[in-house]
Amino acid sequence: RKEDDNDAHFITAPLEAGRKTNLVINAEGLTADAPLTIELLDHLDRPLQGYSGSEASVIASDGTQVRVVWPGKTYLPTNRKFAVKVKFPINSTAKVYALYLTQNL
């Protein structure tokens, strides 16, 4: 359970993407003032260059099949394991229902 006056995050188990694979999120309660920040981490939970920090994905709108995109990237990295870190800002009311990999979008 997230406390309203604190930021929060969760990290997925390690994933591995095939060629031309996308990350999709199902979430609600997102706003421009309280978006989710989504980063990729390497196998040691270190930020993955090109997918974290100033290059993280920011999701500010609700949806059941919202494609997560990173600046200058078309697909998830291949040939390496990674985890997904989803960060909620202070006072966020967002709910994440699912994260999944797809090759259909």
PDB file of N, CA and C in Angstrom:
ATOM      1  N   ARG A   1       0.836  -1.176   0.000  1.00  0.00           N
ATOM      2  CA  ARG A   1       0.000   0.000   0.000  1.00  0.00           C
ATOM      3  C   ARG A   1       0.873   1.227   0.000  1.00  0.00           C
ATOM      4  N   LYS A   2       0.573   2.195  -0.891  1.00  0.00           N
ATOM      5  CA  LYS A   2       1.333   3.425  -1.005  1.00  0.00           C
ATOM      6  C   LYS A   2       0.798   4.466  -0.035  1.00  0.00           C
ATOM      7  N   GLU A   3       1.690   5.105   0.683  1.00  0.00           N
ATOM      8  CA  GLU A   3       1.323   6.218   1.557  1.00  0.00           C
ATOM      9  C   GLU A   3       1.271   7.492   0.715  1.00  0.00           C
ATOM     10  N   ASP A   4       0.259   8.334   0.909  1.00  0.00           N
ATOM     11  CA  ASP A   4       0.056   9.512   0.074  1.00  0.00           C
ATOM     12  C   ASP A   4       1.203  10.510   0.115  1.00  0.00           C
ATOM     13  N   ASP A   5       1.890  10.629   1.239  1.00  0.00           N
ATOM     14  CA  ASP A   5       2.918  11.657   1.348  1.00  0.00           C
ATOM     15  C   ASP A   5       4.321  11.153   1.039  1.00  0.00           C
ATOM     16  N   ASN A   6       4.432  10.015   0.376  1.00  0.00           N
ATOM     17  CA  ASN A   6       5.725   9.456  -0.015  1.00  0.00           C
ATOM     18  C   ASN A   6       5.670   8.988  -1.460  1.00  0.00           C
ATOM     19  N   ASP A   7       6.835   9.045  -2.118  1.00  0.00           N
ATOM     20  CA  ASP A   7       6.891   8.431  -3.426  1.00  0.00           C
ATOM     21  C   ASP A   7       7.022   6.920  -3.230  1.00  0.00           C
ATOM     22  N   ALA A   8       6.878   6.161  -4.277  1.00  0.00           N
ATOM     23  CA  ALA A   8       6.934   4.703  -4.161  1.00  0.00           C
ATOM     24  C   ALA A   8       7.405   4.122  -5.490  1.00  0.00           C
ATOM     25  N   HIS A   9       7.771   2.843  -5.473  1.00  0.00           N
ATOM     26  CA  HIS A   9       8.146   2.166  -6.706  1.00  0.00           C
ATOM     27  C   HIS A   9       8.003   0.662  -6.532  1.00  0.00           C
ATOM     28  N   PHE A  10       7.997  -0.034  -7.661  1.00  0.00           N
ATOM     29  CA  PHE A  10       8.122  -1.490  -7.633  1.00  0.00           C
ATOM     30  C   PHE A  10       9.027  -1.903  -8.784  1.00  0.00           C
ATOM     31  N   ILE A  11       9.640  -3.078  -8.636  1.00  0.00           N
ATOM     32  CA  ILE A  11      10.551  -3.613  -9.643  1.00  0.00           C
ATOM     33  C   ILE A  11      10.072  -5.015 -10.009  1.00  0.00           C
ATOM     34  N   THR A  12      10.010  -5.295 -11.302  1.00  0.00           N
ATOM     35  CA  THR A  12       9.571  -6.608 -11.763  1.00  0.00           C
ATOM     36  C   THR A  12      10.685  -7.641 -11.609  1.00  0.00           C
ATOM     37  N   ALA A  13      10.324  -8.877 -11.784  1.00  0.00           N
ATOM     38  CA  ALA A  13      11.310  -9.948 -11.913  1.00  0.00           C
ATOM     39  C   ALA A  13      12.052  -9.725 -13.234  1.00  0.00           C
ATOM     40  N   PRO A  14      13.216 -10.338 -13.413  1.00  0.00           N
ATOM     41  CA  PRO A  14      13.956 -10.181 -14.674  1.00  0.00           C
ATOM     42  C   PRO A  14      13.138 -10.660 -15.873  1.00  0.00           C
ATOM     43  N   LEU A  15      13.257  -9.911 -16.961  1.00  0.00           N
ATOM     44  CA  LEU A  15      12.578 -10.208 -18.219  1.00  0.00           C
ATOM     45  C   LEU A  15      13.611 -10.294 -19.331  1.00  0.00           C
ATOM     46  N   GLU A  16      13.218 -10.888 -20.430  1.00  0.00           N
ATOM     47  CA  GLU A  16      14.067 -10.903 -21.613  1.00  0.00           C
ATOM     48  C   GLU A  16      13.174 -10.723 -22.825  1.00  0.00           C
ATOM     49  N   ALA A  17      13.506  -9.761 -23.671  1.00  0.00           N
ATOM     50  CA  ALA A  17      12.664  -9.432 -24.818  1.00  0.00           C
ATOM     51  C   ALA A  17      13.211 -10.043 -26.095  1.00  0.00           C
ATOM     52  N   GLY A  18      12.294 -10.433 -26.964  1.00  0.00           N
ATOM     53  CA  GLY A  18      12.668 -10.894 -28.288  1.00  0.00           C
ATOM     54  C   GLY A  18      12.820  -9.712 -29.229  1.00  0.00           C
ATOM     55  N   ARG A  19      13.044 -10.001 -30.488  1.00  0.00           N
ATOM     56  CA  ARG A  19      13.166  -8.927 -31.480  1.00  0.00           C
ATOM     57  C   ARG A  19      11.860  -8.147 -31.586  1.00  0.00           C
ATOM     58  N   LYS A  20      11.992  -6.838 -31.722  1.00  0.00           N
ATOM     59  CA  LYS A  20      10.853  -5.940 -31.935  1.00  0.00           C
ATOM     60  C   LYS A  20       9.775  -6.123 -30.871  1.00  0.00           C
ATOM     61  N   THR A  21      10.192  -6.141 -29.618  1.00  0.00           N
ATOM     62  CA  THR A  21       9.262  -6.309 -28.501  1.00  0.00           C
ATOM     63  C   THR A  21       9.032  -4.979 -27.800  1.00  0.00           C
ATOM     64  N   ASN A  22       7.786  -4.739 -27.398  1.00  0.00           N
ATOM     65  CA  ASN A  22       7.401  -3.524 -26.681  1.00  0.00           C
ATOM     66  C   ASN A  22       6.935  -3.865 -25.278  1.00  0.00           C
ATOM     67  N   LEU A  23       7.015  -2.873 -24.396  1.00  0.00           N
ATOM     68  CA  LEU A  23       6.436  -2.975 -23.064  1.00  0.00           C
ATOM     69  C   LEU A  23       5.126  -2.208 -23.089  1.00  0.00           C
ATOM     70  N   VAL A  24       4.081  -2.814 -22.534  1.00  0.00           N
ATOM     71  CA  VAL A  24       2.754  -2.200 -22.486  1.00  0.00           C
ATOM     72  C   VAL A  24       2.303  -2.180 -21.035  1.00  0.00           C
ATOM     73  N   ILE A  25       1.593  -1.114 -20.649  1.00  0.00           N
ATOM     74  CA  ILE A  25       1.107  -0.970 -19.277  1.00  0.00           C
ATOM     75  C   ILE A  25      -0.399  -0.759 -19.277  1.00  0.00           C
ATOM     76  N   ASN A  26      -1.060  -1.323 -18.286  1.00  0.00           N
ATOM     77  CA  ASN A  26      -2.476  -1.054 -18.007  1.00  0.00           C
ATOM     78  C   ASN A  26      -2.498  -0.292 -16.688  1.00  0.00           C
ATOM     79  N   ALA A  27      -2.951   0.951 -16.717  1.00  0.00           N
ATOM     80  CA  ALA A  27      -2.928   1.777 -15.502  1.00  0.00           C
ATOM     81  C   ALA A  27      -4.023   2.831 -15.561  1.00  0.00           C
ATOM     82  N   GLU A  28      -4.381   3.312 -14.369  1.00  0.00           N
ATOM     83  CA  GLU A  28      -5.348   4.409 -14.278  1.00  0.00           C
ATOM     84  C   GLU A  28      -4.939   5.344 -13.158  1.00  0.00           C
ATOM     85  N   GLY A  29      -5.519   6.548 -13.165  1.00  0.00           N
ATOM     86  CA  GLY A  29      -5.218   7.539 -12.142  1.00  0.00           C
ATOM     87  C   GLY A  29      -3.977   8.357 -12.457  1.00  0.00           C
ATOM     88  N   LEU A  30      -3.544   8.327 -13.704  1.00  0.00           N
ATOM     89  CA  LEU A  30      -2.351   9.071 -14.106  1.00  0.00           C
ATOM     90  C   LEU A  30      -2.729  10.471 -14.556  1.00  0.00           C
ATOM     91  N   THR A  31      -1.868  11.425 -14.253  1.00  0.00           N
ATOM     92  CA  THR A  31      -2.073  12.808 -14.690  1.00  0.00           C
ATOM     93  C   THR A  31      -0.725  13.398 -15.089  1.00  0.00           C
ATOM     94  N   ALA A  32      -0.776  14.524 -15.777  1.00  0.00           N
ATOM     95  CA  ALA A  32       0.460  15.221 -16.145  1.00  0.00           C
ATOM     96  C   ALA A  32       1.218  15.671 -14.896  1.00  0.00           C
ATOM     97  N   ASP A  33       0.498  15.969 -13.829  1.00  0.00           N
ATOM     98  CA  ASP A  33       1.130  16.398 -12.568  1.00  0.00           C
ATOM     99  C   ASP A  33       1.631  15.229 -11.737  1.00  0.00           C
ATOM    100  N   ALA A  34       1.133  14.022 -11.990  1.00  0.00           N
ATOM    101  CA  ALA A  34       1.541  12.841 -11.223  1.00  0.00           C
ATOM    102  C   ALA A  34       1.674  11.639 -12.165  1.00  0.00           C
ATOM    103  N   PRO A  35       2.661  11.702 -13.082  1.00  0.00           N
ATOM    104  CA  PRO A  35       2.843  10.592 -14.023  1.00  0.00           C
ATOM    105  C   PRO A  35       3.659   9.458 -13.398  1.00  0.00           C
ATOM    106  N   LEU A  36       3.634   8.312 -14.053  1.00  0.00           N
ATOM    107  CA  LEU A  36       4.532   7.222 -13.684  1.00  0.00           C
ATOM    108  C   LEU A  36       5.834   7.407 -14.452  1.00  0.00           C
ATOM    109  N   THR A  37       6.939   7.080 -13.831  1.00  0.00           N
ATOM    110  CA  THR A  37       8.238   7.073 -14.498  1.00  0.00           C
ATOM    111  C   THR A  37       8.664   5.614 -14.598  1.00  0.00           C
ATOM    112  N   ILE A  38       9.044   5.189 -15.796  1.00  0.00           N
ATOM    113  CA  ILE A  38       9.380   3.790 -16.020  1.00  0.00           C
ATOM    114  C   ILE A  38      10.808   3.691 -16.544  1.00  0.00           C
ATOM    115  N   GLU A  39      11.612   2.903 -15.833  1.00  0.00           N
ATOM    116  CA  GLU A  39      13.010   2.709 -16.174  1.00  0.00           C
ATOM    117  C   GLU A  39      13.306   1.220 -16.322  1.00  0.00           C
ATOM    118  N   LEU A  40      14.386   0.908 -17.016  1.00  0.00           N
ATOM    119  CA  LEU A  40      14.875  -0.461 -17.082  1.00  0.00           C
ATOM    120  C   LEU A  40      16.146  -0.560 -16.248  1.00  0.00           C
ATOM    121  N   LEU A  41      16.307  -1.697 -15.577  1.00  0.00           N
ATOM    122  CA  LEU A  41      17.476  -1.962 -14.742  1.00  0.00           C
ATOM    123  C   LEU A  41      18.198  -3.196 -15.266  1.00  0.00           C
ATOM    124  N   ASP A  42      19.509  -3.230 -15.096  1.00  0.00           N
ATOM    125  CA  ASP A  42      20.259  -4.413 -15.522  1.00  0.00           C
ATOM    126  C   ASP A  42      20.127  -5.529 -14.489  1.00  0.00           C
ATOM    127  N   HIS A  43      20.850  -6.615 -14.676  1.00  0.00           N
ATOM    128  CA  HIS A  43      20.734  -7.780 -13.794  1.00  0.00           C
ATOM    129  C   HIS A  43      21.209  -7.518 -12.362  1.00  0.00           C
ATOM    130  N   LEU A  44      21.900  -6.394 -12.142  1.00  0.00           N
ATOM    131  CA  LEU A  44      22.322  -6.009 -10.794  1.00  0.00           C
ATOM    132  C   LEU A  44      21.496  -4.841 -10.245  1.00  0.00           C
ATOM    133  N   ASP A  45      20.343  -4.584 -10.852  1.00  0.00           N
ATOM    134  CA  ASP A  45      19.430  -3.495 -10.478  1.00  0.00           C
ATOM    135  C   ASP A  45      20.047  -2.110 -10.654  1.00  0.00           C
ATOM    136  N   ARG A  46      20.973  -1.986 -11.590  1.00  0.00           N
ATOM    137  CA  ARG A  46      21.550  -0.681 -11.931  1.00  0.00           C
ATOM    138  C   ARG A  46      20.779  -0.122 -13.123  1.00  0.00           C
ATOM    139  N   PRO A  47      20.595   1.201 -13.171  1.00  0.00           N
ATOM    140  CA  PRO A  47      19.885   1.803 -14.307  1.00  0.00           C
ATOM    141  C   PRO A  47      20.538   1.436 -15.633  1.00  0.00           C
ATOM    142  N   LEU A  48      19.730   1.078 -16.600  1.00  0.00           N
ATOM    143  CA  LEU A  48      20.200   0.701 -17.922  1.00  0.00           C
ATOM    144  C   LEU A  48      20.306   1.957 -18.784  1.00  0.00           C
ATOM    145  N   GLN A  49      21.491   2.220 -19.297  1.00  0.00           N
ATOM    146  CA  GLN A  49      21.724   3.418 -20.100  1.00  0.00           C
ATOM    147  C   GLN A  49      20.779   3.451 -21.298  1.00  0.00           C
ATOM    148  N   GLY A  50      20.199   4.609 -21.530  1.00  0.00           N
ATOM    149  CA  GLY A  50      19.250   4.783 -22.626  1.00  0.00           C
ATOM    150  C   GLY A  50      17.809   4.506 -22.234  1.00  0.00           C
ATOM    151  N   TYR A  51      17.611   3.947 -21.024  1.00  0.00           N
ATOM    152  CA  TYR A  51      16.264   3.594 -20.570  1.00  0.00           C
ATOM    153  C   TYR A  51      15.994   4.058 -19.133  1.00  0.00           C
ATOM    154  N   SER A  52      16.864   4.898 -18.582  1.00  0.00           N
ATOM    155  CA  SER A  52      16.726   5.312 -17.180  1.00  0.00           C
ATOM    156  C   SER A  52      17.170   6.761 -17.002  1.00  0.00           C
ATOM    157  N   GLY A  53      16.942   7.284 -15.794  1.00  0.00           N
ATOM    158  CA  GLY A  53      17.349   8.651 -15.493  1.00  0.00           C
ATOM    159  C   GLY A  53      16.641   9.641 -16.386  1.00  0.00           C
ATOM    160  N   SER A  54      17.406  10.528 -17.018  1.00  0.00           N
ATOM    161  CA  SER A  54      16.812  11.540 -17.898  1.00  0.00           C
ATOM    162  C   SER A  54      16.212  10.920 -19.162  1.00  0.00           C
ATOM    163  N   GLU A  55      16.529   9.651 -19.433  1.00  0.00           N
ATOM    164  CA  GLU A  55      15.996   8.956 -20.601  1.00  0.00           C
ATOM    165  C   GLU A  55      14.865   7.985 -20.231  1.00  0.00           C
ATOM    166  N   ALA A  56      14.344   8.098 -19.023  1.00  0.00           N
ATOM    167  CA  ALA A  56      13.241   7.249 -18.575  1.00  0.00           C
ATOM    168  C   ALA A  56      11.971   7.575 -19.362  1.00  0.00           C
ATOM    169  N   SER A  57      11.059   6.629 -19.399  1.00  0.00           N
ATOM    170  CA  SER A  57       9.755   6.845 -20.010  1.00  0.00           C
ATOM    171  C   SER A  57       8.821   7.461 -18.976  1.00  0.00           C
ATOM    172  N   VAL A  58       7.982   8.388 -19.411  1.00  0.00           N
ATOM    173  CA  VAL A  58       7.014   9.024 -18.525  1.00  0.00           C
ATOM    174  C   VAL A  58       5.625   8.773 -19.102  1.00  0.00           C
ATOM    175  N   ILE A  59       4.758   8.174 -18.284  1.00  0.00           N
ATOM    176  CA  ILE A  59       3.395   7.861 -18.707  1.00  0.00           C
ATOM    177  C   ILE A  59       2.439   8.734 -17.899  1.00  0.00           C
ATOM    178  N   ALA A  60       1.657   9.557 -18.606  1.00  0.00           N
ATOM    179  CA  ALA A  60       0.778  10.501 -17.919  1.00  0.00           C
ATOM    180  C   ALA A  60      -0.687  10.334 -18.285  1.00  0.00           C
ATOM    181  N   SER A  61      -1.031   9.252 -19.008  1.00  0.00           N
ATOM    182  CA  SER A  61      -2.437   9.063 -19.358  1.00  0.00           C
ATOM    183  C   SER A  61      -2.864   7.623 -19.110  1.00  0.00           C
ATOM    184  N   ASP A  62      -4.113   7.469 -18.713  1.00  0.00           N
ATOM    185  CA  ASP A  62      -4.689   6.156 -18.428  1.00  0.00           C
ATOM    186  C   ASP A  62      -4.850   5.334 -19.702  1.00  0.00           C
ATOM    187  N   GLY A  63      -4.916   4.019 -19.516  1.00  0.00           N
ATOM    188  CA  GLY A  63      -5.209   3.162 -20.644  1.00  0.00           C
ATOM    189  C   GLY A  63      -4.972   1.710 -20.322  1.00  0.00           C
ATOM    190  N   THR A  64      -5.535   0.853 -21.178  1.00  0.00           N
ATOM    191  CA  THR A  64      -5.370  -0.584 -20.978  1.00  0.00           C
ATOM    192  C   THR A  64      -4.275  -1.173 -21.854  1.00  0.00           C
ATOM    193  N   GLN A  65      -3.825  -0.452 -22.856  1.00  0.00           N
ATOM    194  CA  GLN A  65      -2.728  -0.910 -23.703  1.00  0.00           C
ATOM    195  C   GLN A  65      -1.842   0.266 -24.084  1.00  0.00           C
ATOM    196  N   VAL A  66      -1.289   0.925 -23.074  1.00  0.00           N
ATOM    197  CA  VAL A  66      -0.444   2.090 -23.315  1.00  0.00           C
ATOM    198  C   VAL A  66       0.984   1.598 -23.554  1.00  0.00           C
ATOM    199  N   ARG A  67       1.486   1.868 -24.724  1.00  0.00           N
ATOM    200  CA  ARG A  67       2.854   1.459 -25.057  1.00  0.00           C
ATOM    201  C   ARG A  67       3.842   2.357 -24.315  1.00  0.00           C
ATOM    202  N   VAL A  68       4.815   1.732 -23.672  1.00  0.00           N
ATOM    203  CA  VAL A  68       5.860   2.465 -22.960  1.00  0.00           C
ATOM    204  C   VAL A  68       6.988   2.706 -23.955  1.00  0.00           C
ATOM    205  N   VAL A  69       7.334   3.976 -24.155  1.00  0.00           N
ATOM    206  CA  VAL A  69       8.402   4.317 -25.096  1.00  0.00           C
ATOM    207  C   VAL A  69       9.462   5.154 -24.389  1.00  0.00           C
ATOM    208  N   TRP A  70      10.678   4.998 -24.844  1.00  0.00           N
ATOM    209  CA  TRP A  70      11.803   5.761 -24.325  1.00  0.00           C
ATOM    210  C   TRP A  70      12.324   6.645 -25.444  1.00  0.00           C
ATOM    211  N   PRO A  71      12.857   7.836 -25.113  1.00  0.00           N
ATOM    212  CA  PRO A  71      13.350   8.755 -26.152  1.00  0.00           C
ATOM    213  C   PRO A  71      14.362   8.072 -27.085  1.00  0.00           C
ATOM    214  N   GLY A  72      14.077   8.124 -28.382  1.00  0.00           N
ATOM    215  CA  GLY A  72      14.987   7.582 -29.377  1.00  0.00           C
ATOM    216  C   GLY A  72      15.003   6.065 -29.491  1.00  0.00           C
ATOM    217  N   LYS A  73      14.130   5.376 -28.771  1.00  0.00           N
ATOM    218  CA  LYS A  73      14.095   3.910 -28.799  1.00  0.00           C
ATOM    219  C   LYS A  73      12.772   3.450 -29.407  1.00  0.00           C
ATOM    220  N   THR A  74      12.854   2.444 -30.269  1.00  0.00           N
ATOM    221  CA  THR A  74      11.655   1.885 -30.870  1.00  0.00           C
ATOM    222  C   THR A  74      11.182   0.650 -30.126  1.00  0.00           C
ATOM    223  N   TYR A  75      12.149  -0.174 -29.662  1.00  0.00           N
ATOM    224  CA  TYR A  75      11.810  -1.429 -29.001  1.00  0.00           C
ATOM    225  C   TYR A  75      12.652  -1.622 -27.739  1.00  0.00           C
ATOM    226  N   LEU A  76      12.301  -2.637 -26.974  1.00  0.00           N
ATOM    227  CA  LEU A  76      13.095  -3.011 -25.805  1.00  0.00           C
ATOM    228  C   LEU A  76      14.433  -3.605 -26.251  1.00  0.00           C
ATOM    229  N   PRO A  77      15.444  -3.547 -25.383  1.00  0.00           N
ATOM    230  CA  PRO A  77      16.732  -4.145 -25.747  1.00  0.00           C
ATOM    231  C   PRO A  77      16.622  -5.664 -25.848  1.00  0.00           C
ATOM    232  N   THR A  78      17.358  -6.250 -26.770  1.00  0.00           N
ATOM    233  CA  THR A  78      17.369  -7.702 -26.936  1.00  0.00           C
ATOM    234  C   THR A  78      18.706  -8.263 -26.460  1.00  0.00           C
ATOM    235  N   ASN A  79      18.748  -9.559 -26.291  1.00  0.00           N
ATOM    236  CA  ASN A  79      19.959 -10.279 -25.894  1.00  0.00           C
ATOM    237  C   ASN A  79      20.499  -9.869 -24.526  1.00  0.00           C
ATOM    238  N   ARG A  80      19.628  -9.462 -23.640  1.00  0.00           N
ATOM    239  CA  ARG A  80      20.034  -9.166 -22.269  1.00  0.00           C
ATOM    240  C   ARG A  80      18.813  -9.189 -21.363  1.00  0.00           C
ATOM    241  N   LYS A  81      19.030  -9.578 -20.123  1.00  0.00           N
ATOM    242  CA  LYS A  81      17.944  -9.567 -19.146  1.00  0.00           C
ATOM    243  C   LYS A  81      17.864  -8.187 -18.520  1.00  0.00           C
ATOM    244  N   PHE A  82      16.650  -7.794 -18.170  1.00  0.00           N
ATOM    245  CA  PHE A  82      16.415  -6.497 -17.533  1.00  0.00           C
ATOM    246  C   PHE A  82      15.190  -6.612 -16.643  1.00  0.00           C
ATOM    247  N   ALA A  83      15.084  -5.699 -15.705  1.00  0.00           N
ATOM    248  CA  ALA A  83      13.887  -5.572 -14.875  1.00  0.00           C
ATOM    249  C   ALA A  83      13.274  -4.211 -15.165  1.00  0.00           C
ATOM    250  N   VAL A  84      11.998  -4.084 -14.901  1.00  0.00           N
ATOM    251  CA  VAL A  84      11.289  -2.824 -15.101  1.00  0.00           C
ATOM    252  C   VAL A  84      11.033  -2.208 -13.723  1.00  0.00           C
ATOM    253  N   LYS A  85      11.392  -0.936 -13.584  1.00  0.00           N
ATOM    254  CA  LYS A  85      11.141  -0.194 -12.349  1.00  0.00           C
ATOM    255  C   LYS A  85      10.074   0.859 -12.648  1.00  0.00           C
ATOM    256  N   VAL A  86       8.979   0.813 -11.909  1.00  0.00           N
ATOM    257  CA  VAL A  86       7.890   1.774 -12.063  1.00  0.00           C
ATOM    258  C   VAL A  86       7.871   2.650 -10.819  1.00  0.00           C
ATOM    259  N   LYS A  87       7.998   3.968 -11.034  1.00  0.00           N
ATOM    260  CA  LYS A  87       8.040   4.915  -9.917  1.00  0.00           C
ATOM    261  C   LYS A  87       6.778   5.782  -9.890  1.00  0.00           C
ATOM    262  N   PHE A  88       6.192   5.884  -8.703  1.00  0.00           N
ATOM    263  CA  PHE A  88       5.017   6.710  -8.454  1.00  0.00           C
ATOM    264  C   PHE A  88       5.462   7.972  -7.717  1.00  0.00           C
ATOM    265  N   PRO A  89       5.019   9.156  -8.121  1.00  0.00           N
ATOM    266  CA  PRO A  89       5.390  10.365  -7.395  1.00  0.00           C
ATOM    267  C   PRO A  89       4.576  10.522  -6.104  1.00  0.00           C
ATOM    268  N   ILE A  90       5.006  11.444  -5.271  1.00  0.00           N
ATOM    269  CA  ILE A  90       4.273  11.772  -4.044  1.00  0.00           C
ATOM    270  C   ILE A  90       2.842  12.144  -4.414  1.00  0.00           C
ATOM    271  N   ASN A  91       1.900  11.703  -3.617  1.00  0.00           N
ATOM    272  CA  ASN A  91       0.465  11.995  -3.774  1.00  0.00           C
ATOM    273  C   ASN A  91      -0.164  11.380  -5.021  1.00  0.00           C
ATOM    274  N   SER A  92       0.490  10.422  -5.638  1.00  0.00           N
ATOM    275  CA  SER A  92      -0.084   9.748  -6.802  1.00  0.00           C
ATOM    276  C   SER A  92      -1.226   8.833  -6.360  1.00  0.00           C
ATOM    277  N   THR A  93      -2.270   8.813  -7.171  1.00  0.00           N
ATOM    278  CA  THR A  93      -3.378   7.875  -6.932  1.00  0.00           C
ATOM    279  C   THR A  93      -3.398   6.798  -8.014  1.00  0.00           C
ATOM    280  N   ALA A  94      -2.316   6.701  -8.772  1.00  0.00           N
ATOM    281  CA  ALA A  94      -2.256   5.756  -9.881  1.00  0.00           C
ATOM    282  C   ALA A  94      -2.334   4.315  -9.402  1.00  0.00           C
ATOM    283  N   LYS A  95      -2.940   3.498 -10.251  1.00  0.00           N
ATOM    284  CA  LYS A  95      -3.008   2.055 -10.022  1.00  0.00           C
ATOM    285  C   LYS A  95      -2.477   1.375 -11.274  1.00  0.00           C
ATOM    286  N   VAL A  96      -1.536   0.462 -11.093  1.00  0.00           N
ATOM    287  CA  VAL A  96      -0.998  -0.323 -12.203  1.00  0.00           C
ATOM    288  C   VAL A  96      -1.590  -1.715 -12.101  1.00  0.00           C
ATOM    289  N   TYR A  97      -2.265  -2.130 -13.155  1.00  0.00           N
ATOM    290  CA  TYR A  97      -2.906  -3.430 -13.178  1.00  0.00           C
ATOM    291  C   TYR A  97      -2.059  -4.490 -13.874  1.00  0.00           C
ATOM    292  N   ALA A  98      -1.290  -4.079 -14.875  1.00  0.00           N
ATOM    293  CA  ALA A  98      -0.477  -5.062 -15.596  1.00  0.00           C
ATOM    294  C   ALA A  98       0.636  -4.374 -16.370  1.00  0.00           C
ATOM    295  N   LEU A  99       1.722  -5.082 -16.497  1.00  0.00           N
ATOM    296  CA  LEU A  99       2.816  -4.754 -17.413  1.00  0.00           C
ATOM    297  C   LEU A  99       3.046  -6.007 -18.235  1.00  0.00           C
ATOM    298  N   TYR A 100       3.157  -5.882 -19.537  1.00  0.00           N
ATOM    299  CA  TYR A 100       3.406  -7.076 -20.324  1.00  0.00           C
ATOM    300  C   TYR A 100       4.191  -6.743 -21.585  1.00  0.00           C
ATOM    301  N   LEU A 101       4.833  -7.764 -22.131  1.00  0.00           N
ATOM    302  CA  LEU A 101       5.593  -7.629 -23.356  1.00  0.00           C
ATOM    303  C   LEU A 101       4.712  -8.042 -24.527  1.00  0.00           C
ATOM    304  N   THR A 102       4.847  -7.327 -25.642  1.00  0.00           N
ATOM    305  CA  THR A 102       4.063  -7.650 -26.822  1.00  0.00           C
ATOM    306  C   THR A 102       4.863  -7.359 -28.079  1.00  0.00           C
ATOM    307  N   GLN A 103       4.533  -8.039 -29.120  1.00  0.00           N
ATOM    308  CA  GLN A 103       5.114  -7.764 -30.436  1.00  0.00           C
ATOM    309  C   GLN A 103       4.024  -7.341 -31.406  1.00  0.00           C
ATOM    310  N   ASN A 104       2.856  -6.998 -30.865  1.00  0.00           N
ATOM    311  CA  ASN A 104       1.704  -6.672 -31.701  1.00  0.00           C
ATOM    312  C   ASN A 104       1.473  -5.185 -31.897  1.00  0.00           C
ATOM    313  N   LEU A 105       2.208  -4.331 -31.177  1.00  0.00           N
ATOM    314  CA  LEU A 105       1.952  -2.881 -31.301  1.00  0.00           C
ATOM    315  C   LEU A 105       3.030  -2.201 -32.084  1.00  0.00           C
TER     316      LEU A 105
END
